[in-house]
N, C-alpha and C. Protein backbone atom coordinates (compact mmCIF):
# COMPACT_ATOMS: atom_id res chain seq x y z
N MET A 1 -106.18 -46.38 -7.32
CA MET A 1 -104.78 -46.05 -6.25
C MET A 1 -105.20 -46.36 -4.99
N GLY A 2 -104.72 -47.56 -3.56
CA GLY A 2 -105.60 -47.56 -2.63
C GLY A 2 -104.33 -47.07 -1.88
N HIS A 3 -104.87 -46.37 -0.71
CA HIS A 3 -104.70 -45.93 0.43
C HIS A 3 -104.17 -47.11 1.65
N ASN A 4 -102.78 -47.06 2.33
CA ASN A 4 -102.93 -47.70 3.56
C ASN A 4 -103.05 -46.93 4.27
N THR A 5 -104.40 -47.49 5.26
CA THR A 5 -104.68 -46.12 6.43
C THR A 5 -103.80 -46.81 7.13
N GLY A 6 -103.14 -48.36 7.87
CA GLY A 6 -102.54 -48.28 8.94
C GLY A 6 -101.25 -48.40 9.14
N SER A 7 -101.23 -47.49 9.77
CA SER A 7 -99.10 -47.71 10.40
C SER A 7 -98.45 -48.84 10.92
N PRO A 8 -97.24 -49.06 10.81
CA PRO A 8 -96.79 -49.97 11.13
C PRO A 8 -96.65 -51.05 12.11
N SER A 9 -97.67 -49.89 13.30
CA SER A 9 -97.40 -49.81 14.28
C SER A 9 -98.81 -50.62 15.05
N GLU A 10 -99.77 -50.32 13.98
CA GLU A 10 -100.35 -51.24 14.52
C GLU A 10 -100.94 -52.91 13.76
N SER A 11 -100.09 -53.30 13.11
CA SER A 11 -100.22 -54.52 12.96
C SER A 11 -99.17 -55.21 14.14
N VAL A 12 -98.69 -54.42 15.24
CA VAL A 12 -98.00 -55.16 16.29
C VAL A 12 -99.33 -55.34 17.62
N ARG A 13 -99.17 -56.36 17.98
CA ARG A 13 -99.66 -56.31 19.34
C ARG A 13 -100.01 -55.54 20.56
N PRO A 14 -100.74 -54.21 20.60
CA PRO A 14 -100.28 -53.16 21.48
C PRO A 14 -100.25 -53.82 23.26
N ARG A 15 -99.15 -53.68 24.15
CA ARG A 15 -99.08 -54.24 25.03
C ARG A 15 -100.22 -54.07 26.06
N ASP A 16 -99.92 -54.93 26.90
CA ASP A 16 -101.18 -54.97 27.98
C ASP A 16 -100.69 -54.36 29.52
N ARG A 17 -101.06 -52.97 29.49
CA ARG A 17 -100.18 -52.38 30.87
C ARG A 17 -100.44 -53.26 31.62
N GLU A 18 -101.48 -53.55 32.28
CA GLU A 18 -101.42 -54.63 33.62
C GLU A 18 -101.01 -55.55 33.78
N ARG A 19 -100.39 -56.54 32.63
CA ARG A 19 -100.01 -57.83 32.40
C ARG A 19 -98.47 -57.09 32.56
N ASP A 20 -97.76 -56.17 32.18
CA ASP A 20 -96.49 -55.90 31.62
C ASP A 20 -96.21 -55.36 33.34
N GLU A 21 -96.74 -54.76 34.21
CA GLU A 21 -96.82 -54.30 35.28
C GLU A 21 -96.83 -55.27 36.57
N ALA A 22 -97.22 -56.48 36.51
CA ALA A 22 -97.74 -57.74 36.46
C ALA A 22 -96.49 -58.27 36.72
N PHE A 23 -95.93 -58.78 35.52
CA PHE A 23 -94.72 -59.47 35.47
C PHE A 23 -93.44 -58.44 35.90
N ILE A 24 -93.51 -57.37 35.51
CA ILE A 24 -92.24 -56.82 36.61
C ILE A 24 -91.96 -56.58 37.82
N ARG A 25 -93.32 -56.82 38.59
CA ARG A 25 -93.41 -56.79 39.58
C ARG A 25 -92.92 -58.38 39.79
N ALA A 26 -93.61 -59.34 39.37
CA ALA A 26 -93.08 -60.84 39.67
C ALA A 26 -91.96 -60.92 39.60
N VAL A 27 -91.13 -60.03 38.76
CA VAL A 27 -89.75 -60.47 38.78
C VAL A 27 -89.13 -59.74 39.66
N TYR A 28 -89.36 -58.61 39.92
CA TYR A 28 -88.48 -58.42 41.22
C TYR A 28 -88.32 -58.97 42.18
N ASP A 29 -90.64 -59.09 42.77
CA ASP A 29 -90.62 -59.69 43.87
C ASP A 29 -89.84 -61.18 43.81
N LYS A 30 -89.61 -61.98 43.27
CA LYS A 30 -88.71 -63.60 43.15
C LYS A 30 -87.41 -63.14 43.38
N HIS A 31 -86.95 -62.31 42.25
CA HIS A 31 -85.75 -62.34 41.78
C HIS A 31 -84.45 -61.46 42.59
N GLY A 32 -85.88 -59.99 42.70
CA GLY A 32 -84.61 -58.66 43.10
C GLY A 32 -83.39 -59.07 43.63
N VAL A 33 -84.30 -59.50 44.82
CA VAL A 33 -83.03 -59.06 46.18
C VAL A 33 -81.71 -60.09 45.63
N VAL A 34 -82.13 -61.39 45.03
CA VAL A 34 -80.54 -62.05 44.79
C VAL A 34 -80.29 -61.56 43.75
N LEU A 35 -80.96 -60.76 42.50
CA LEU A 35 -80.03 -60.24 41.31
C LEU A 35 -79.24 -59.13 41.89
N LEU A 36 -80.34 -58.49 43.11
CA LEU A 36 -78.94 -56.74 43.56
C LEU A 36 -78.25 -57.61 44.42
N ARG A 37 -78.20 -58.72 44.70
CA ARG A 37 -76.79 -59.11 45.89
C ARG A 37 -75.63 -59.30 44.98
N VAL A 38 -75.83 -60.42 43.57
CA VAL A 38 -75.18 -61.16 42.33
C VAL A 38 -74.59 -59.54 41.95
N ALA A 39 -75.73 -58.75 41.37
CA ALA A 39 -74.73 -57.44 40.28
C ALA A 39 -73.71 -56.94 41.47
N THR A 40 -74.12 -56.08 42.91
CA THR A 40 -73.24 -55.87 43.55
C THR A 40 -71.99 -56.74 44.16
N GLY A 41 -71.94 -57.82 44.16
CA GLY A 41 -70.76 -58.59 44.22
C GLY A 41 -69.64 -58.52 42.93
N MET A 42 -70.63 -58.49 41.92
CA MET A 42 -69.95 -58.72 40.66
C MET A 42 -68.77 -57.31 40.00
N LEU A 43 -69.98 -56.15 40.84
CA LEU A 43 -69.46 -54.65 41.23
C LEU A 43 -68.38 -54.55 41.88
N CYS A 44 -67.92 -55.25 42.96
CA CYS A 44 -67.07 -54.94 44.18
C CYS A 44 -67.59 -53.94 44.89
N GLY A 45 -69.17 -54.38 45.37
CA GLY A 45 -69.85 -53.27 46.26
C GLY A 45 -70.31 -52.20 45.55
N ASP A 46 -70.53 -51.87 44.71
CA ASP A 46 -71.26 -50.43 43.49
C ASP A 46 -72.28 -50.68 43.68
N SER A 47 -73.46 -50.27 44.75
CA SER A 47 -74.76 -50.74 44.60
C SER A 47 -75.20 -49.89 43.74
N HIS A 48 -74.75 -48.40 43.79
CA HIS A 48 -75.90 -47.59 42.78
C HIS A 48 -75.62 -48.31 41.07
N ARG A 49 -74.43 -48.65 40.58
CA ARG A 49 -74.77 -49.65 39.70
C ARG A 49 -74.98 -50.97 39.53
N ALA A 50 -75.16 -51.56 40.43
CA ALA A 50 -76.10 -52.65 40.64
C ALA A 50 -77.77 -52.06 40.29
N GLN A 51 -77.87 -51.66 40.97
CA GLN A 51 -79.25 -51.29 41.10
C GLN A 51 -79.80 -50.93 39.52
N ASP A 52 -78.75 -50.09 38.97
CA ASP A 52 -78.96 -50.05 36.89
C ASP A 52 -78.92 -51.43 36.73
N LEU A 53 -77.84 -51.87 37.00
CA LEU A 53 -78.11 -53.15 36.04
C LEU A 53 -78.74 -54.05 36.35
N VAL A 54 -79.69 -54.03 37.20
CA VAL A 54 -80.73 -55.06 37.47
C VAL A 54 -81.95 -54.38 37.47
N GLN A 55 -82.29 -53.16 36.99
CA GLN A 55 -82.92 -52.52 36.09
C GLN A 55 -83.31 -53.09 34.65
N GLU A 56 -81.85 -52.85 34.30
CA GLU A 56 -81.25 -53.65 33.04
C GLU A 56 -81.87 -55.02 32.54
N ALA A 57 -81.82 -55.69 33.79
CA ALA A 57 -81.56 -57.23 33.26
C ALA A 57 -83.34 -57.39 33.10
N VAL A 58 -84.32 -56.83 34.50
CA VAL A 58 -85.47 -56.91 34.12
C VAL A 58 -86.60 -56.15 33.04
N LEU A 59 -85.71 -55.23 32.25
CA LEU A 59 -85.87 -54.43 31.10
C LEU A 59 -86.01 -55.71 30.11
N ARG A 60 -85.01 -56.13 30.08
CA ARG A 60 -84.43 -56.85 28.93
C ARG A 60 -85.50 -58.23 28.89
N ALA A 61 -85.68 -58.83 30.34
CA ALA A 61 -86.70 -59.88 30.68
C ALA A 61 -88.18 -59.11 30.13
N TRP A 62 -88.46 -58.21 31.05
CA TRP A 62 -89.71 -57.86 30.42
C TRP A 62 -90.18 -57.71 28.37
N ARG A 63 -88.99 -57.34 27.74
CA ARG A 63 -88.69 -57.62 26.50
C ARG A 63 -89.34 -58.82 25.71
N HIS A 64 -89.26 -60.05 26.87
CA HIS A 64 -89.08 -61.34 26.00
C HIS A 64 -90.27 -61.83 27.17
N SER A 65 -91.35 -60.85 27.59
CA SER A 65 -92.28 -61.60 29.22
C SER A 65 -93.00 -62.18 27.68
N ASP A 66 -93.55 -62.19 26.53
CA ASP A 66 -94.00 -63.20 25.99
C ASP A 66 -93.81 -64.71 26.03
N ILE A 67 -93.00 -64.93 26.27
CA ILE A 67 -92.07 -66.16 26.51
C ILE A 67 -91.36 -66.78 27.87
N LEU A 68 -91.31 -65.86 28.34
CA LEU A 68 -90.68 -65.88 30.09
C LEU A 68 -91.51 -65.73 30.96
N ASP A 69 -91.62 -66.64 32.02
CA ASP A 69 -92.32 -66.69 33.33
C ASP A 69 -91.36 -66.55 34.40
N PRO A 70 -91.79 -65.28 35.07
CA PRO A 70 -91.13 -65.10 36.22
C PRO A 70 -91.31 -66.27 36.96
N GLU A 71 -91.49 -67.00 37.47
CA GLU A 71 -92.01 -68.06 38.10
C GLU A 71 -91.29 -69.54 37.88
N ALA A 72 -90.72 -69.69 36.56
CA ALA A 72 -89.90 -70.57 36.10
C ALA A 72 -88.94 -70.83 36.19
N ASP A 73 -88.33 -72.18 36.85
CA ASP A 73 -87.33 -72.41 37.52
C ASP A 73 -85.50 -71.61 36.06
N GLY A 74 -85.90 -71.84 35.13
CA GLY A 74 -85.01 -71.22 34.27
C GLY A 74 -84.61 -69.48 34.31
N VAL A 75 -85.33 -68.74 34.76
CA VAL A 75 -85.53 -67.40 34.70
C VAL A 75 -84.19 -66.39 35.35
N ARG A 76 -84.28 -67.53 36.75
CA ARG A 76 -83.27 -66.54 37.58
C ARG A 76 -81.83 -66.59 36.96
N PRO A 77 -81.50 -67.75 36.41
CA PRO A 77 -80.20 -68.03 35.78
C PRO A 77 -80.12 -67.07 34.64
N TRP A 78 -81.13 -67.29 34.10
CA TRP A 78 -80.59 -66.26 32.54
C TRP A 78 -81.01 -64.45 33.14
N LEU A 79 -81.64 -64.57 34.47
CA LEU A 79 -81.48 -62.71 34.22
C LEU A 79 -79.67 -62.90 35.15
N VAL A 80 -79.31 -63.54 35.79
CA VAL A 80 -77.92 -63.36 36.32
C VAL A 80 -76.97 -63.07 34.88
N THR A 81 -77.42 -64.37 34.57
CA THR A 81 -76.41 -64.02 33.04
C THR A 81 -76.48 -63.15 32.22
N VAL A 82 -77.65 -61.95 31.99
CA VAL A 82 -77.80 -60.99 31.28
C VAL A 82 -77.14 -60.09 32.25
N ILE A 83 -77.10 -59.81 33.67
CA ILE A 83 -76.29 -59.28 34.82
C ILE A 83 -74.69 -59.19 34.11
N ARG A 84 -74.65 -60.56 33.93
CA ARG A 84 -72.99 -61.12 34.23
C ARG A 84 -73.08 -60.19 32.70
N ASN A 85 -73.23 -60.84 31.73
CA ASN A 85 -72.84 -60.07 30.29
C ASN A 85 -72.95 -58.42 30.15
N LEU A 86 -73.82 -57.67 30.99
CA LEU A 86 -73.64 -56.41 31.46
C LEU A 86 -72.43 -56.19 32.13
N VAL A 87 -72.06 -56.59 32.94
CA VAL A 87 -70.85 -56.74 33.49
C VAL A 87 -69.42 -56.47 32.83
N ILE A 88 -69.65 -57.18 32.22
CA ILE A 88 -68.42 -57.94 31.51
C ILE A 88 -68.29 -56.35 30.30
N ASP A 89 -69.31 -56.10 29.69
CA ASP A 89 -69.85 -55.19 28.38
C ASP A 89 -69.32 -54.04 29.03
N GLY A 90 -69.48 -53.53 30.47
CA GLY A 90 -69.17 -52.68 31.38
C GLY A 90 -67.44 -52.47 31.39
N HIS A 91 -66.87 -53.69 31.57
CA HIS A 91 -65.85 -53.41 32.03
C HIS A 91 -65.32 -53.26 30.03
N ARG A 92 -65.45 -53.90 29.23
CA ARG A 92 -64.96 -53.51 28.52
C ARG A 92 -64.62 -52.34 27.54
N ALA A 93 -65.99 -52.09 28.04
CA ALA A 93 -66.29 -50.46 27.91
C ALA A 93 -65.16 -49.29 28.51
N ARG A 94 -65.14 -49.44 29.76
CA ARG A 94 -63.92 -48.57 29.86
C ARG A 94 -62.58 -48.98 30.06
N GLN A 95 -62.13 -50.10 29.88
CA GLN A 95 -61.35 -50.74 29.31
C GLN A 95 -60.78 -49.84 28.12
N ALA A 96 -61.74 -49.22 26.84
CA ALA A 96 -61.32 -48.82 26.24
C ALA A 96 -61.70 -47.33 25.78
N ARG A 97 -61.98 -46.60 26.94
CA ARG A 97 -62.01 -45.42 27.18
C ARG A 97 -60.86 -44.54 28.07
N PRO A 98 -60.48 -44.08 28.43
CA PRO A 98 -59.17 -43.55 29.77
C PRO A 98 -60.21 -43.17 31.11
N PRO A 99 -59.76 -43.65 32.21
CA PRO A 99 -60.55 -43.81 33.28
C PRO A 99 -61.24 -42.51 33.56
N GLU A 100 -62.12 -42.67 34.64
CA GLU A 100 -63.00 -42.00 34.79
C GLU A 100 -62.70 -41.36 36.53
N THR A 101 -62.45 -40.32 36.84
CA THR A 101 -62.25 -40.11 38.25
C THR A 101 -63.47 -40.06 38.91
N ALA A 102 -63.27 -40.00 40.05
CA ALA A 102 -64.72 -39.85 40.99
C ALA A 102 -64.48 -39.54 42.29
N ASP A 103 -65.51 -38.75 43.00
CA ASP A 103 -65.43 -38.37 44.27
C ASP A 103 -65.76 -39.23 45.16
N ASN A 104 -64.96 -40.41 45.65
CA ASN A 104 -65.42 -41.21 46.71
C ASN A 104 -65.05 -40.95 48.13
N VAL A 105 -64.54 -39.85 48.19
CA VAL A 105 -64.34 -39.59 49.74
C VAL A 105 -65.12 -39.34 50.43
N LEU A 106 -66.01 -39.11 50.50
CA LEU A 106 -67.49 -39.57 51.03
C LEU A 106 -67.89 -40.45 51.43
N GLU A 107 -68.02 -41.13 50.47
CA GLU A 107 -68.29 -43.04 50.39
C GLU A 107 -67.73 -43.71 50.98
N ASP A 108 -66.24 -43.35 51.32
CA ASP A 108 -65.86 -44.26 52.28
C ASP A 108 -64.98 -43.99 52.95
N MET A 109 -66.03 -42.83 54.19
CA MET A 109 -65.23 -41.99 54.88
C MET A 109 -66.41 -42.28 56.24
N PRO A 110 -65.89 -43.70 56.99
CA PRO A 110 -66.82 -44.42 58.02
C PRO A 110 -66.49 -43.13 59.43
N GLY A 111 -67.82 -43.56 59.84
CA GLY A 111 -67.64 -43.71 61.71
C GLY A 111 -66.70 -43.80 62.29
N PRO A 112 -66.35 -43.49 63.62
CA PRO A 112 -65.31 -43.85 64.54
C PRO A 112 -65.45 -45.19 64.36
N GLU A 113 -67.03 -45.42 64.97
CA GLU A 113 -67.31 -46.62 65.93
C GLU A 113 -66.89 -47.67 64.51
N HIS A 114 -66.91 -47.53 63.42
CA HIS A 114 -66.59 -48.55 62.10
C HIS A 114 -65.60 -48.81 61.72
N VAL A 115 -64.35 -47.49 61.95
CA VAL A 115 -63.26 -47.25 61.10
C VAL A 115 -62.65 -48.87 60.69
N ASP A 116 -62.27 -50.03 61.85
CA ASP A 116 -61.51 -51.37 61.54
C ASP A 116 -62.26 -51.93 60.17
N ARG A 117 -63.67 -52.03 60.60
CA ARG A 117 -64.57 -52.63 59.79
C ARG A 117 -64.56 -52.26 58.38
N ALA A 118 -64.75 -50.84 58.55
CA ALA A 118 -64.44 -50.39 57.03
C ALA A 118 -63.45 -50.34 56.11
N ILE A 119 -62.36 -50.22 56.99
CA ILE A 119 -61.21 -50.25 56.31
C ILE A 119 -60.53 -52.06 55.81
N THR A 120 -61.15 -53.27 56.35
CA THR A 120 -60.66 -54.16 56.27
C THR A 120 -62.14 -54.20 54.99
N ARG A 121 -62.86 -54.07 55.00
CA ARG A 121 -64.38 -54.18 53.41
C ARG A 121 -63.68 -53.26 52.61
N LYS A 122 -62.96 -52.06 52.64
CA LYS A 122 -62.35 -51.54 51.55
C LYS A 122 -61.11 -52.44 50.73
N ILE A 123 -60.32 -52.74 51.56
CA ILE A 123 -59.42 -53.67 51.11
C ILE A 123 -59.70 -54.71 50.76
N VAL A 124 -61.00 -55.11 51.01
CA VAL A 124 -61.02 -57.04 50.45
C VAL A 124 -61.68 -56.27 49.36
N ARG A 125 -62.52 -55.28 48.85
CA ARG A 125 -63.42 -54.72 47.46
C ARG A 125 -62.28 -54.39 46.64
N ASP A 126 -61.54 -53.83 47.21
CA ASP A 126 -60.11 -53.35 45.95
C ASP A 126 -59.65 -54.43 45.77
N ALA A 127 -59.23 -55.54 46.60
CA ALA A 127 -58.15 -57.08 46.27
C ALA A 127 -59.40 -57.59 44.98
N LEU A 128 -60.44 -57.76 45.77
CA LEU A 128 -61.66 -58.32 44.46
C LEU A 128 -61.98 -57.65 42.80
N GLY A 129 -61.32 -56.03 43.53
CA GLY A 129 -61.18 -55.90 42.02
C GLY A 129 -59.85 -56.17 40.97
N ASP A 130 -59.35 -56.71 41.44
CA ASP A 130 -58.00 -57.37 40.61
C ASP A 130 -58.59 -59.13 40.11
N LEU A 131 -59.46 -59.45 40.94
CA LEU A 131 -59.78 -60.54 40.66
C LEU A 131 -60.46 -60.58 38.79
N SER A 132 -60.42 -61.63 38.15
CA SER A 132 -61.18 -61.98 36.69
C SER A 132 -62.34 -62.06 37.13
N ILE A 133 -62.97 -61.78 36.18
CA ILE A 133 -65.17 -61.78 36.37
C ILE A 133 -65.55 -63.15 36.97
N GLN A 134 -64.66 -64.17 36.18
CA GLN A 134 -65.30 -65.38 36.57
C GLN A 134 -64.96 -66.05 37.96
N HIS A 135 -63.58 -65.24 38.30
CA HIS A 135 -63.40 -65.43 39.91
C HIS A 135 -64.29 -64.80 40.81
N ARG A 136 -64.91 -62.96 40.57
CA ARG A 136 -65.55 -62.86 41.40
C ARG A 136 -66.89 -63.71 41.39
N GLU A 137 -67.23 -63.93 40.29
CA GLU A 137 -68.45 -64.62 40.04
C GLU A 137 -68.33 -65.91 40.52
N ILE A 138 -67.82 -66.57 41.07
CA ILE A 138 -67.66 -67.99 41.81
C ILE A 138 -67.55 -67.75 43.55
N LEU A 139 -66.67 -66.73 43.77
CA LEU A 139 -66.81 -66.01 44.95
C LEU A 139 -67.60 -66.20 45.29
N ILE A 140 -68.75 -64.92 44.49
CA ILE A 140 -69.85 -64.27 45.20
C ILE A 140 -70.85 -65.46 45.52
N HIS A 141 -71.26 -66.39 44.15
CA HIS A 141 -71.88 -67.73 44.84
C HIS A 141 -71.74 -68.09 45.60
N VAL A 142 -70.65 -68.86 45.71
CA VAL A 142 -69.77 -70.06 46.81
C VAL A 142 -70.11 -69.47 47.91
N GLN A 143 -69.26 -67.94 48.46
CA GLN A 143 -68.76 -67.67 49.47
C GLN A 143 -69.85 -66.55 50.22
N TYR A 144 -70.61 -65.29 48.97
CA TYR A 144 -71.65 -64.37 49.40
C TYR A 144 -72.95 -64.85 49.40
N LEU A 145 -73.23 -65.77 48.53
CA LEU A 145 -74.46 -66.36 48.36
C LEU A 145 -75.17 -67.92 49.14
N ASP A 146 -73.46 -68.26 49.66
CA ASP A 146 -73.55 -69.77 50.16
C ASP A 146 -73.93 -70.65 49.49
N ARG A 147 -74.07 -70.94 48.12
CA ARG A 147 -74.39 -71.79 47.17
C ARG A 147 -73.26 -72.96 47.04
N SER A 148 -73.91 -74.03 46.74
CA SER A 148 -73.36 -75.39 46.97
C SER A 148 -72.75 -75.37 45.86
N VAL A 149 -71.47 -75.92 45.50
CA VAL A 149 -70.90 -76.53 44.35
C VAL A 149 -72.33 -76.81 43.29
N ALA A 150 -72.86 -77.44 43.94
CA ALA A 150 -73.91 -78.32 42.95
C ALA A 150 -74.75 -76.96 42.32
N GLN A 151 -75.03 -76.37 43.13
CA GLN A 151 -76.27 -75.21 43.31
C GLN A 151 -75.37 -74.07 42.38
N THR A 152 -73.94 -73.52 42.15
CA THR A 152 -73.11 -72.64 41.80
C THR A 152 -73.08 -73.23 40.18
N ALA A 153 -72.70 -74.62 40.17
CA ALA A 153 -72.72 -74.99 38.59
C ALA A 153 -73.68 -75.23 37.91
N GLN A 154 -75.06 -75.22 38.53
CA GLN A 154 -76.68 -75.29 37.96
C GLN A 154 -76.71 -73.63 37.58
N ALA A 155 -76.85 -73.09 38.55
CA ALA A 155 -77.27 -71.50 37.80
C ALA A 155 -75.83 -70.46 37.06
N LEU A 156 -74.68 -71.15 37.12
CA LEU A 156 -73.75 -70.78 35.94
C LEU A 156 -73.64 -70.94 34.60
N GLY A 157 -74.29 -72.61 34.83
CA GLY A 157 -74.27 -73.25 33.45
C GLY A 157 -72.64 -74.58 33.53
N ILE A 158 -71.81 -74.32 34.26
CA ILE A 158 -70.77 -75.20 34.30
C ILE A 158 -70.85 -76.16 34.96
N PRO A 159 -69.56 -77.59 34.61
CA PRO A 159 -69.95 -78.47 35.29
C PRO A 159 -68.91 -78.30 36.97
N PRO A 160 -69.34 -78.84 37.87
CA PRO A 160 -68.94 -78.90 39.25
C PRO A 160 -67.57 -78.59 39.11
N GLY A 161 -66.99 -79.60 38.47
CA GLY A 161 -65.63 -79.56 38.67
C GLY A 161 -65.12 -78.06 38.60
N THR A 162 -65.40 -77.25 37.63
CA THR A 162 -65.21 -76.05 37.17
C THR A 162 -65.02 -75.45 38.22
N VAL A 163 -66.29 -76.27 38.85
CA VAL A 163 -66.38 -74.37 39.87
C VAL A 163 -65.71 -75.09 41.07
N LYS A 164 -65.13 -76.26 41.20
CA LYS A 164 -64.76 -76.61 42.42
C LYS A 164 -63.17 -75.43 42.02
N SER A 165 -62.61 -75.59 41.34
CA SER A 165 -61.40 -75.40 40.68
C SER A 165 -61.49 -74.03 40.33
N ARG A 166 -62.19 -73.32 39.82
CA ARG A 166 -62.54 -72.00 40.18
C ARG A 166 -62.25 -70.85 41.52
N THR A 167 -63.25 -71.82 42.29
CA THR A 167 -63.10 -71.51 43.44
C THR A 167 -61.91 -71.20 44.11
N HIS A 168 -60.90 -72.51 44.05
CA HIS A 168 -59.68 -73.07 44.56
C HIS A 168 -58.66 -71.38 43.87
N LEU A 169 -59.19 -71.46 42.61
CA LEU A 169 -57.79 -70.51 42.01
C LEU A 169 -58.35 -69.00 42.57
N ALA A 170 -59.73 -68.66 42.38
CA ALA A 170 -60.39 -67.16 43.06
C ALA A 170 -59.74 -66.82 44.14
N LEU A 171 -60.04 -68.01 45.88
CA LEU A 171 -59.00 -67.81 46.80
C LEU A 171 -57.62 -67.63 46.77
N LYS A 172 -57.35 -68.27 46.08
CA LYS A 172 -55.78 -68.10 45.77
C LYS A 172 -55.46 -66.63 45.51
N ALA A 173 -56.25 -66.09 44.35
CA ALA A 173 -55.99 -65.15 43.67
C ALA A 173 -56.29 -63.64 44.91
N LEU A 174 -57.17 -64.18 45.58
CA LEU A 174 -57.75 -63.22 46.33
C LEU A 174 -56.76 -62.95 47.72
N LYS A 175 -56.33 -63.93 48.31
CA LYS A 175 -55.05 -64.26 48.88
C LYS A 175 -53.80 -63.20 48.63
N GLU A 176 -53.68 -63.51 47.66
CA GLU A 176 -52.73 -62.75 46.63
C GLU A 176 -52.43 -61.71 46.75
N ALA A 177 -54.08 -61.09 46.34
CA ALA A 177 -54.47 -59.41 46.10
C ALA A 177 -54.56 -59.08 47.63
N LEU A 178 -54.38 -59.57 48.62
CA LEU A 178 -54.64 -59.13 49.69
C LEU A 178 -53.14 -59.20 50.44
N VAL A 179 -52.29 -60.36 49.87
CA VAL A 179 -51.09 -59.73 50.69
C VAL A 179 -50.41 -58.96 50.05
N LYS A 180 -50.40 -58.31 48.66
CA LYS A 180 -49.80 -57.31 48.05
C LYS A 180 -50.08 -55.91 48.78
N ARG A 181 -51.34 -56.16 49.20
CA ARG A 181 -51.97 -54.83 49.69
C ARG A 181 -51.61 -54.78 51.25
N ASN A 182 -50.78 -55.24 51.81
CA ASN A 182 -49.83 -55.66 52.95
C ASN A 182 -51.30 -56.23 54.37
N TYR A 183 -52.28 -56.88 53.77
CA TYR A 183 -53.74 -57.57 54.22
C TYR A 183 -53.94 -58.94 54.69
N VAL A 184 -53.09 -59.35 55.70
CA VAL A 184 -53.61 -61.34 55.39
C VAL A 184 -54.60 -61.04 56.88
N PRO A 185 -55.92 -61.58 57.08
CA PRO A 185 -56.96 -61.86 57.68
C PRO A 185 -56.47 -62.64 58.63
């Protein structure tokens, strides 16, 4: 009767801590700022949730570090897709449960010198919340990240014509959402 002294984890190659840290650092250095900007835009300015989503995307990339290269051209669109899917999953989860209450009073309380800008930002953020995820995503790429139609099409993996039509529809929907709030710039 033979004994199997090896545990199941012994058959798996142990992780190299320095290599893992270098991979994570490289992903953050090369893509972190853009990923945070994209996530914040998709979440209508919620920077705390955006940071959580970026961390989750980097964690998922790290899990595939044996096949991903942080310097490769295809990594950023892959990471943006991960964030997009996390935003969609979060949206669906919130739709499936009662709305949460939050104490945002202090967050939205601007100093006297920034009142108009803060009010405008709040109205626009609320209006962006009325848009579909696809429309918010298009506006983030085209308006906020100042990407061309071709760059946006490549990043999202959609045809340039779709980028143009979604941008037109997104801007139209945003204007309607602003009008609904009695705000037209």
